[in-house]
Amino acid sequence: MAFSSNEGGGKPMATINVVPLVDVMLVLLIIFMVTAPLMAHKIKVDLPKANLDERPEEAPPAPPITIAVTEQGQIYLNDQPVSRELLESALSVEAQKTPQPPVNVRGDATTKYRVVNEVVTIAQAQGMRKVGFVATREQN
């Protein structure tokens, strides 16, 4: 705070009060003195060198897995007839791949939704993250 004497007839003082500035500087000095030893690495580790000139190309996207469901409830995995158990095991293997391939479900127009829902549930239970539906556009 700046206190003024009655000299000067009520004019404001033109001097700067440096006490708050010194207080802030002392606090910052203490903070830096405490944190500086923590920033030094205690354990020396010989890190491997990375060659950034020879970057591998991005992995090509995995081809999608196509599951077709007929009106009678038959399931085809990539145009090969499979049972529900074989579908589960095949999707479980595919779910472990990186990058994970998407699953395209193609259901006949007259297929009961329950059967298509079972196929989607099997795919999601095996860990497949991208499950979508294939449809054709309506002819206008």
N, C-alpha and C. Protein backbone atom coordinates (compact mmCIF):
# COMPACT_ATOMS: atom_id res chain seq x y z
N MET A 1 0.85 -1.18 0.00
CA MET A 1 0.00 0.00 0.00
C MET A 1 0.88 1.23 0.00
N ALA A 2 0.43 2.23 -0.65
CA ALA A 2 1.20 3.47 -0.72
C ALA A 2 0.58 4.45 0.26
N PHE A 3 1.42 4.91 1.15
CA PHE A 3 0.98 5.91 2.11
C PHE A 3 1.59 7.24 1.70
N SER A 4 0.87 8.25 1.83
CA SER A 4 1.40 9.56 1.46
C SER A 4 1.39 10.47 2.68
N SER A 5 2.33 11.31 2.65
CA SER A 5 2.34 12.33 3.70
C SER A 5 1.54 13.51 3.19
N ASN A 6 1.33 14.42 4.00
CA ASN A 6 0.53 15.58 3.61
C ASN A 6 1.31 16.54 2.74
N GLU A 7 2.52 16.17 2.40
CA GLU A 7 3.29 17.04 1.51
C GLU A 7 2.73 16.89 0.11
N GLY A 8 2.75 17.86 -0.63
CA GLY A 8 2.30 17.82 -2.00
C GLY A 8 0.85 18.20 -2.17
N GLY A 9 0.13 18.44 -1.16
CA GLY A 9 -1.22 18.96 -1.26
C GLY A 9 -2.23 18.00 -1.86
N GLY A 10 -2.19 16.72 -1.57
CA GLY A 10 -3.21 15.78 -2.02
C GLY A 10 -2.96 15.19 -3.39
N LYS A 11 -1.80 15.43 -3.94
CA LYS A 11 -1.49 14.84 -5.24
C LYS A 11 -1.11 13.37 -5.05
N PRO A 12 -1.36 12.53 -6.03
CA PRO A 12 -0.98 11.13 -5.90
C PRO A 12 0.54 10.98 -5.92
N MET A 13 1.00 9.90 -5.23
CA MET A 13 2.44 9.65 -5.17
C MET A 13 2.90 9.06 -6.50
N ALA A 14 4.09 9.38 -6.89
CA ALA A 14 4.62 8.90 -8.16
C ALA A 14 5.62 7.76 -7.95
N THR A 15 5.73 7.21 -6.74
CA THR A 15 6.68 6.13 -6.51
C THR A 15 5.95 4.78 -6.54
N ILE A 16 6.67 3.74 -6.89
CA ILE A 16 6.11 2.39 -6.97
C ILE A 16 6.40 1.66 -5.68
N ASN A 17 5.41 0.95 -5.17
CA ASN A 17 5.59 0.15 -3.97
C ASN A 17 6.13 -1.21 -4.41
N VAL A 18 7.37 -1.55 -4.03
CA VAL A 18 8.04 -2.76 -4.49
C VAL A 18 7.88 -3.93 -3.52
N VAL A 19 7.26 -3.75 -2.39
CA VAL A 19 7.13 -4.83 -1.41
C VAL A 19 6.33 -6.00 -1.98
N PRO A 20 5.17 -5.83 -2.63
CA PRO A 20 4.47 -7.00 -3.20
C PRO A 20 5.30 -7.68 -4.30
N LEU A 21 6.05 -6.92 -5.04
CA LEU A 21 6.89 -7.50 -6.09
C LEU A 21 7.97 -8.39 -5.48
N VAL A 22 8.58 -7.95 -4.41
CA VAL A 22 9.61 -8.73 -3.74
C VAL A 22 8.99 -9.99 -3.13
N ASP A 23 7.80 -9.89 -2.56
CA ASP A 23 7.12 -11.06 -1.99
C ASP A 23 6.86 -12.12 -3.07
N VAL A 24 6.37 -11.70 -4.21
CA VAL A 24 6.10 -12.64 -5.30
C VAL A 24 7.39 -13.28 -5.78
N MET A 25 8.44 -12.50 -5.90
CA MET A 25 9.73 -13.04 -6.36
C MET A 25 10.30 -14.05 -5.37
N LEU A 26 10.15 -13.83 -4.09
CA LEU A 26 10.64 -14.77 -3.10
C LEU A 26 9.84 -16.08 -3.14
N VAL A 27 8.55 -15.99 -3.32
CA VAL A 27 7.73 -17.20 -3.43
C VAL A 27 8.13 -18.00 -4.67
N LEU A 28 8.33 -17.32 -5.81
CA LEU A 28 8.75 -18.02 -7.02
C LEU A 28 10.12 -18.66 -6.85
N LEU A 29 11.03 -17.98 -6.17
CA LEU A 29 12.36 -18.52 -5.93
C LEU A 29 12.27 -19.81 -5.10
N ILE A 30 11.44 -19.80 -4.08
CA ILE A 30 11.27 -20.99 -3.24
C ILE A 30 10.66 -22.14 -4.05
N ILE A 31 9.68 -21.84 -4.88
CA ILE A 31 9.06 -22.88 -5.71
C ILE A 31 10.08 -23.49 -6.64
N PHE A 32 10.88 -22.68 -7.30
CA PHE A 32 11.89 -23.21 -8.21
C PHE A 32 12.98 -23.99 -7.47
N MET A 33 13.31 -23.58 -6.28
CA MET A 33 14.32 -24.30 -5.51
C MET A 33 13.81 -25.68 -5.09
N VAL A 34 12.52 -25.79 -4.83
CA VAL A 34 11.96 -27.07 -4.43
C VAL A 34 11.77 -27.99 -5.63
N THR A 35 11.32 -27.46 -6.76
CA THR A 35 11.00 -28.31 -7.91
C THR A 35 12.21 -28.62 -8.79
N ALA A 36 13.26 -27.88 -8.76
CA ALA A 36 14.41 -28.13 -9.63
C ALA A 36 15.05 -29.49 -9.37
N PRO A 37 15.25 -29.94 -8.15
CA PRO A 37 15.81 -31.28 -7.97
C PRO A 37 14.89 -32.40 -8.46
N LEU A 38 13.60 -32.18 -8.47
CA LEU A 38 12.66 -33.20 -8.92
C LEU A 38 12.70 -33.37 -10.44
N MET A 39 13.14 -32.35 -11.14
CA MET A 39 13.16 -32.41 -12.60
C MET A 39 14.38 -33.16 -13.12
N ALA A 40 15.40 -33.33 -12.33
CA ALA A 40 16.59 -34.06 -12.76
C ALA A 40 16.30 -35.55 -12.73
N HIS A 41 16.77 -36.28 -13.74
CA HIS A 41 16.56 -37.73 -13.79
C HIS A 41 17.59 -38.41 -12.91
N LYS A 42 17.12 -39.22 -12.00
CA LYS A 42 18.00 -39.90 -11.06
C LYS A 42 18.64 -41.12 -11.70
N ILE A 43 17.89 -41.84 -12.55
CA ILE A 43 18.38 -43.07 -13.13
C ILE A 43 18.74 -42.80 -14.59
N LYS A 44 19.94 -43.16 -14.96
CA LYS A 44 20.39 -42.99 -16.33
C LYS A 44 19.98 -44.21 -17.14
N VAL A 45 19.32 -43.99 -18.24
CA VAL A 45 18.85 -45.07 -19.10
C VAL A 45 19.37 -44.79 -20.50
N ASP A 46 19.94 -45.81 -21.13
CA ASP A 46 20.41 -45.68 -22.49
C ASP A 46 19.25 -45.98 -23.43
N LEU A 47 18.63 -44.93 -23.96
CA LEU A 47 17.45 -45.09 -24.79
C LEU A 47 17.85 -45.50 -26.20
N PRO A 48 17.02 -46.32 -26.86
CA PRO A 48 17.35 -46.72 -28.24
C PRO A 48 17.17 -45.55 -29.19
N LYS A 49 17.93 -45.60 -30.26
CA LYS A 49 17.85 -44.54 -31.27
C LYS A 49 16.80 -44.93 -32.30
N ALA A 50 15.99 -43.99 -32.71
CA ALA A 50 14.95 -44.24 -33.70
C ALA A 50 15.40 -43.70 -35.04
N ASN A 51 15.23 -44.51 -36.06
CA ASN A 51 15.54 -44.07 -37.41
C ASN A 51 14.24 -43.61 -38.05
N LEU A 52 14.04 -42.32 -38.10
CA LEU A 52 12.79 -41.78 -38.61
C LEU A 52 12.78 -41.64 -40.13
N ASP A 53 13.92 -41.93 -40.78
CA ASP A 53 13.97 -41.84 -42.23
C ASP A 53 13.25 -43.01 -42.88
N GLU A 54 13.26 -44.17 -42.24
CA GLU A 54 12.65 -45.37 -42.80
C GLU A 54 11.38 -45.72 -42.05
N ARG A 55 10.37 -44.94 -42.24
CA ARG A 55 9.09 -45.21 -41.59
C ARG A 55 8.33 -46.26 -42.38
N PRO A 56 7.75 -47.22 -41.69
CA PRO A 56 6.95 -48.21 -42.44
C PRO A 56 5.68 -47.55 -42.97
N GLU A 57 5.26 -48.03 -44.11
CA GLU A 57 4.02 -47.52 -44.68
C GLU A 57 2.86 -47.88 -43.76
N GLU A 58 1.80 -47.12 -43.84
CA GLU A 58 0.63 -47.44 -43.02
C GLU A 58 0.09 -48.80 -43.44
N ALA A 59 -0.39 -49.53 -42.47
CA ALA A 59 -0.93 -50.85 -42.77
C ALA A 59 -2.14 -50.69 -43.68
N PRO A 60 -2.20 -51.50 -44.71
CA PRO A 60 -3.36 -51.39 -45.59
C PRO A 60 -4.62 -51.78 -44.84
N PRO A 61 -5.72 -51.14 -45.16
CA PRO A 61 -6.95 -51.49 -44.44
C PRO A 61 -7.33 -52.94 -44.71
N ALA A 62 -7.83 -53.58 -43.67
CA ALA A 62 -8.22 -54.98 -43.79
C ALA A 62 -9.49 -55.08 -44.62
N PRO A 63 -9.57 -56.10 -45.48
CA PRO A 63 -10.81 -56.26 -46.26
C PRO A 63 -11.97 -56.60 -45.33
N PRO A 64 -13.14 -56.10 -45.63
CA PRO A 64 -14.28 -56.36 -44.73
C PRO A 64 -14.71 -57.82 -44.75
N ILE A 65 -15.29 -58.22 -43.65
CA ILE A 65 -15.86 -59.57 -43.52
C ILE A 65 -17.34 -59.44 -43.86
N THR A 66 -17.80 -60.29 -44.76
CA THR A 66 -19.20 -60.23 -45.18
C THR A 66 -19.95 -61.43 -44.61
N ILE A 67 -21.01 -61.13 -43.90
CA ILE A 67 -21.88 -62.19 -43.36
C ILE A 67 -23.25 -62.03 -44.03
N ALA A 68 -23.68 -63.07 -44.72
CA ALA A 68 -24.99 -63.04 -45.37
C ALA A 68 -25.93 -63.97 -44.62
N VAL A 69 -27.17 -63.51 -44.46
CA VAL A 69 -28.19 -64.29 -43.77
C VAL A 69 -29.36 -64.45 -44.73
N THR A 70 -29.73 -65.70 -45.01
CA THR A 70 -30.83 -65.95 -45.94
C THR A 70 -32.16 -65.97 -45.20
N GLU A 71 -33.22 -66.08 -45.98
CA GLU A 71 -34.56 -66.09 -45.40
C GLU A 71 -34.78 -67.29 -44.49
N GLN A 72 -34.13 -68.42 -44.81
CA GLN A 72 -34.28 -69.63 -44.02
C GLN A 72 -33.40 -69.61 -42.78
N GLY A 73 -32.56 -68.59 -42.60
CA GLY A 73 -31.71 -68.49 -41.43
C GLY A 73 -30.32 -69.06 -41.63
N GLN A 74 -29.98 -69.44 -42.86
CA GLN A 74 -28.64 -69.94 -43.14
C GLN A 74 -27.65 -68.77 -43.12
N ILE A 75 -26.46 -69.04 -42.58
CA ILE A 75 -25.45 -67.98 -42.43
C ILE A 75 -24.28 -68.31 -43.33
N TYR A 76 -23.81 -67.30 -44.07
CA TYR A 76 -22.67 -67.43 -44.96
C TYR A 76 -21.60 -66.42 -44.53
N LEU A 77 -20.40 -66.92 -44.31
CA LEU A 77 -19.26 -66.06 -43.96
C LEU A 77 -18.37 -65.97 -45.19
N ASN A 78 -18.28 -64.78 -45.78
CA ASN A 78 -17.52 -64.57 -47.02
C ASN A 78 -17.91 -65.60 -48.08
N ASP A 79 -19.22 -65.76 -48.27
CA ASP A 79 -19.83 -66.65 -49.28
C ASP A 79 -19.60 -68.13 -49.01
N GLN A 80 -19.23 -68.50 -47.80
CA GLN A 80 -19.07 -69.91 -47.43
C GLN A 80 -20.08 -70.22 -46.32
N PRO A 81 -20.87 -71.28 -46.46
CA PRO A 81 -21.85 -71.60 -45.41
C PRO A 81 -21.14 -72.01 -44.12
N VAL A 82 -21.62 -71.44 -42.99
CA VAL A 82 -21.04 -71.73 -41.68
C VAL A 82 -22.16 -71.92 -40.66
N SER A 83 -21.82 -72.61 -39.59
CA SER A 83 -22.75 -72.72 -38.46
C SER A 83 -22.52 -71.56 -37.51
N ARG A 84 -23.37 -71.40 -36.53
CA ARG A 84 -23.21 -70.31 -35.57
C ARG A 84 -21.92 -70.47 -34.76
N GLU A 85 -21.58 -71.70 -34.42
CA GLU A 85 -20.36 -71.95 -33.63
C GLU A 85 -19.11 -71.60 -34.44
N LEU A 86 -19.11 -72.00 -35.71
CA LEU A 86 -17.97 -71.68 -36.57
C LEU A 86 -17.88 -70.18 -36.81
N LEU A 87 -19.03 -69.53 -36.91
CA LEU A 87 -19.04 -68.07 -37.06
C LEU A 87 -18.43 -67.40 -35.84
N GLU A 88 -18.78 -67.88 -34.65
CA GLU A 88 -18.21 -67.31 -33.43
C GLU A 88 -16.70 -67.46 -33.40
N SER A 89 -16.21 -68.64 -33.73
CA SER A 89 -14.75 -68.84 -33.67
C SER A 89 -14.03 -68.04 -34.74
N ALA A 90 -14.60 -67.93 -35.93
CA ALA A 90 -13.96 -67.15 -36.99
C ALA A 90 -13.93 -65.66 -36.63
N LEU A 91 -15.00 -65.16 -36.08
CA LEU A 91 -15.04 -63.75 -35.69
C LEU A 91 -14.13 -63.48 -34.50
N SER A 92 -13.98 -64.45 -33.62
CA SER A 92 -13.07 -64.29 -32.48
C SER A 92 -11.63 -64.15 -32.97
N VAL A 93 -11.27 -64.93 -33.99
CA VAL A 93 -9.92 -64.82 -34.56
C VAL A 93 -9.74 -63.47 -35.26
N GLU A 94 -10.74 -63.06 -36.01
CA GLU A 94 -10.66 -61.79 -36.74
C GLU A 94 -10.61 -60.59 -35.79
N ALA A 95 -11.22 -60.71 -34.63
CA ALA A 95 -11.25 -59.59 -33.68
C ALA A 95 -9.87 -59.32 -33.10
N GLN A 96 -8.98 -60.32 -33.14
CA GLN A 96 -7.63 -60.15 -32.59
C GLN A 96 -6.69 -59.45 -33.56
N LYS A 97 -7.07 -59.31 -34.81
CA LYS A 97 -6.19 -58.72 -35.82
C LYS A 97 -6.10 -57.21 -35.65
N THR A 98 -4.94 -56.68 -36.09
CA THR A 98 -4.76 -55.23 -36.09
C THR A 98 -4.35 -54.81 -37.49
N PRO A 99 -5.04 -53.96 -38.16
CA PRO A 99 -6.30 -53.32 -37.81
C PRO A 99 -7.46 -54.31 -37.95
N GLN A 100 -8.44 -54.09 -37.13
CA GLN A 100 -9.59 -54.99 -37.11
C GLN A 100 -10.47 -54.74 -38.33
N PRO A 101 -10.82 -55.79 -39.06
CA PRO A 101 -11.64 -55.58 -40.25
C PRO A 101 -13.10 -55.28 -39.87
N PRO A 102 -13.77 -54.50 -40.69
CA PRO A 102 -15.19 -54.25 -40.42
C PRO A 102 -16.03 -55.46 -40.82
N VAL A 103 -17.19 -55.57 -40.23
CA VAL A 103 -18.13 -56.67 -40.53
C VAL A 103 -19.33 -56.07 -41.23
N ASN A 104 -19.63 -56.59 -42.43
CA ASN A 104 -20.80 -56.17 -43.19
C ASN A 104 -21.83 -57.27 -43.14
N VAL A 105 -23.00 -56.97 -42.60
CA VAL A 105 -24.08 -57.95 -42.48
C VAL A 105 -25.07 -57.68 -43.61
N ARG A 106 -25.32 -58.73 -44.42
CA ARG A 106 -26.27 -58.65 -45.52
C ARG A 106 -27.42 -59.58 -45.20
N GLY A 107 -28.57 -59.03 -44.98
CA GLY A 107 -29.75 -59.84 -44.69
C GLY A 107 -30.73 -59.77 -45.83
N ASP A 108 -31.33 -60.90 -46.15
CA ASP A 108 -32.36 -60.95 -47.18
C ASP A 108 -33.51 -60.05 -46.75
N ALA A 109 -34.23 -59.49 -47.71
CA ALA A 109 -35.31 -58.56 -47.37
C ALA A 109 -36.40 -59.22 -46.56
N THR A 110 -36.57 -60.54 -46.68
CA THR A 110 -37.62 -61.23 -45.95
C THR A 110 -37.10 -61.98 -44.73
N THR A 111 -35.82 -61.81 -44.41
CA THR A 111 -35.25 -62.47 -43.24
C THR A 111 -35.82 -61.86 -41.98
N LYS A 112 -36.11 -62.71 -41.00
CA LYS A 112 -36.63 -62.20 -39.74
C LYS A 112 -35.53 -61.42 -39.03
N TYR A 113 -35.92 -60.34 -38.43
CA TYR A 113 -34.96 -59.47 -37.74
C TYR A 113 -34.28 -60.21 -36.59
N ARG A 114 -34.94 -61.16 -35.98
CA ARG A 114 -34.37 -61.91 -34.87
C ARG A 114 -33.09 -62.61 -35.30
N VAL A 115 -33.07 -63.19 -36.49
CA VAL A 115 -31.90 -63.92 -36.98
C VAL A 115 -30.75 -62.94 -37.24
N VAL A 116 -31.06 -61.82 -37.85
CA VAL A 116 -30.02 -60.81 -38.12
C VAL A 116 -29.49 -60.25 -36.79
N ASN A 117 -30.38 -60.06 -35.84
CA ASN A 117 -29.95 -59.56 -34.53
C ASN A 117 -29.03 -60.56 -33.84
N GLU A 118 -29.30 -61.85 -33.97
CA GLU A 118 -28.42 -62.87 -33.38
C GLU A 118 -27.02 -62.80 -33.99
N VAL A 119 -26.94 -62.60 -35.30
CA VAL A 119 -25.64 -62.52 -35.97
C VAL A 119 -24.88 -61.29 -35.49
N VAL A 120 -25.55 -60.17 -35.38
CA VAL A 120 -24.90 -58.94 -34.91
C VAL A 120 -24.46 -59.11 -33.46
N THR A 121 -25.28 -59.74 -32.64
CA THR A 121 -24.92 -59.98 -31.24
C THR A 121 -23.71 -60.89 -31.13
N ILE A 122 -23.64 -61.92 -31.97
CA ILE A 122 -22.48 -62.81 -31.97
C ILE A 122 -21.22 -62.02 -32.33
N ALA A 123 -21.31 -61.18 -33.36
CA ALA A 123 -20.14 -60.40 -33.79
C ALA A 123 -19.67 -59.46 -32.69
N GLN A 124 -20.60 -58.78 -32.04
CA GLN A 124 -20.21 -57.85 -30.98
C GLN A 124 -19.69 -58.58 -29.76
N ALA A 125 -20.23 -59.76 -29.47
CA ALA A 125 -19.76 -60.52 -28.31
C ALA A 125 -18.34 -61.03 -28.53
N GLN A 126 -17.94 -61.23 -29.77
CA GLN A 126 -16.59 -61.71 -30.06
C GLN A 126 -15.58 -60.57 -30.11
N GLY A 127 -16.05 -59.32 -29.96
CA GLY A 127 -15.13 -58.18 -29.89
C GLY A 127 -15.03 -57.37 -31.17
N MET A 128 -15.89 -57.60 -32.13
CA MET A 128 -15.86 -56.83 -33.36
C MET A 128 -16.46 -55.46 -33.08
N ARG A 129 -15.69 -54.42 -33.41
CA ARG A 129 -16.13 -53.06 -33.09
C ARG A 129 -16.94 -52.43 -34.21
N LYS A 130 -16.63 -52.77 -35.45
CA LYS A 130 -17.32 -52.14 -36.59
C LYS A 130 -18.25 -53.16 -37.25
N VAL A 131 -19.51 -53.08 -36.90
CA VAL A 131 -20.51 -53.96 -37.48
C VAL A 131 -21.53 -53.09 -38.18
N GLY A 132 -21.72 -53.31 -39.48
CA GLY A 132 -22.64 -52.49 -40.25
C GLY A 132 -23.56 -53.35 -41.11
N PHE A 133 -24.52 -52.71 -41.73
CA PHE A 133 -25.49 -53.40 -42.57
C PHE A 133 -25.30 -52.96 -44.02
N VAL A 134 -25.54 -53.89 -44.94
CA VAL A 134 -25.47 -53.60 -46.35
C VAL A 134 -26.89 -53.61 -46.90
N ALA A 135 -27.22 -52.58 -47.68
CA ALA A 135 -28.55 -52.49 -48.28
C ALA A 135 -28.39 -51.89 -49.68
N THR A 136 -29.41 -52.03 -50.48
CA THR A 136 -29.41 -51.42 -51.81
C THR A 136 -30.29 -50.18 -51.79
N ARG A 137 -29.98 -49.26 -52.67
CA ARG A 137 -30.79 -48.04 -52.76
C ARG A 137 -32.13 -48.35 -53.41
N GLU A 138 -33.13 -47.63 -52.96
CA GLU A 138 -34.45 -47.76 -53.58
C GLU A 138 -34.42 -47.09 -54.94
N GLN A 139 -35.07 -47.71 -55.90
CA GLN A 139 -35.14 -47.15 -57.25
C GLN A 139 -36.30 -46.16 -57.30
N ASN A 140 -36.00 -44.91 -57.59
CA ASN A 140 -37.05 -43.87 -57.66
C ASN A 140 -37.56 -43.71 -59.05
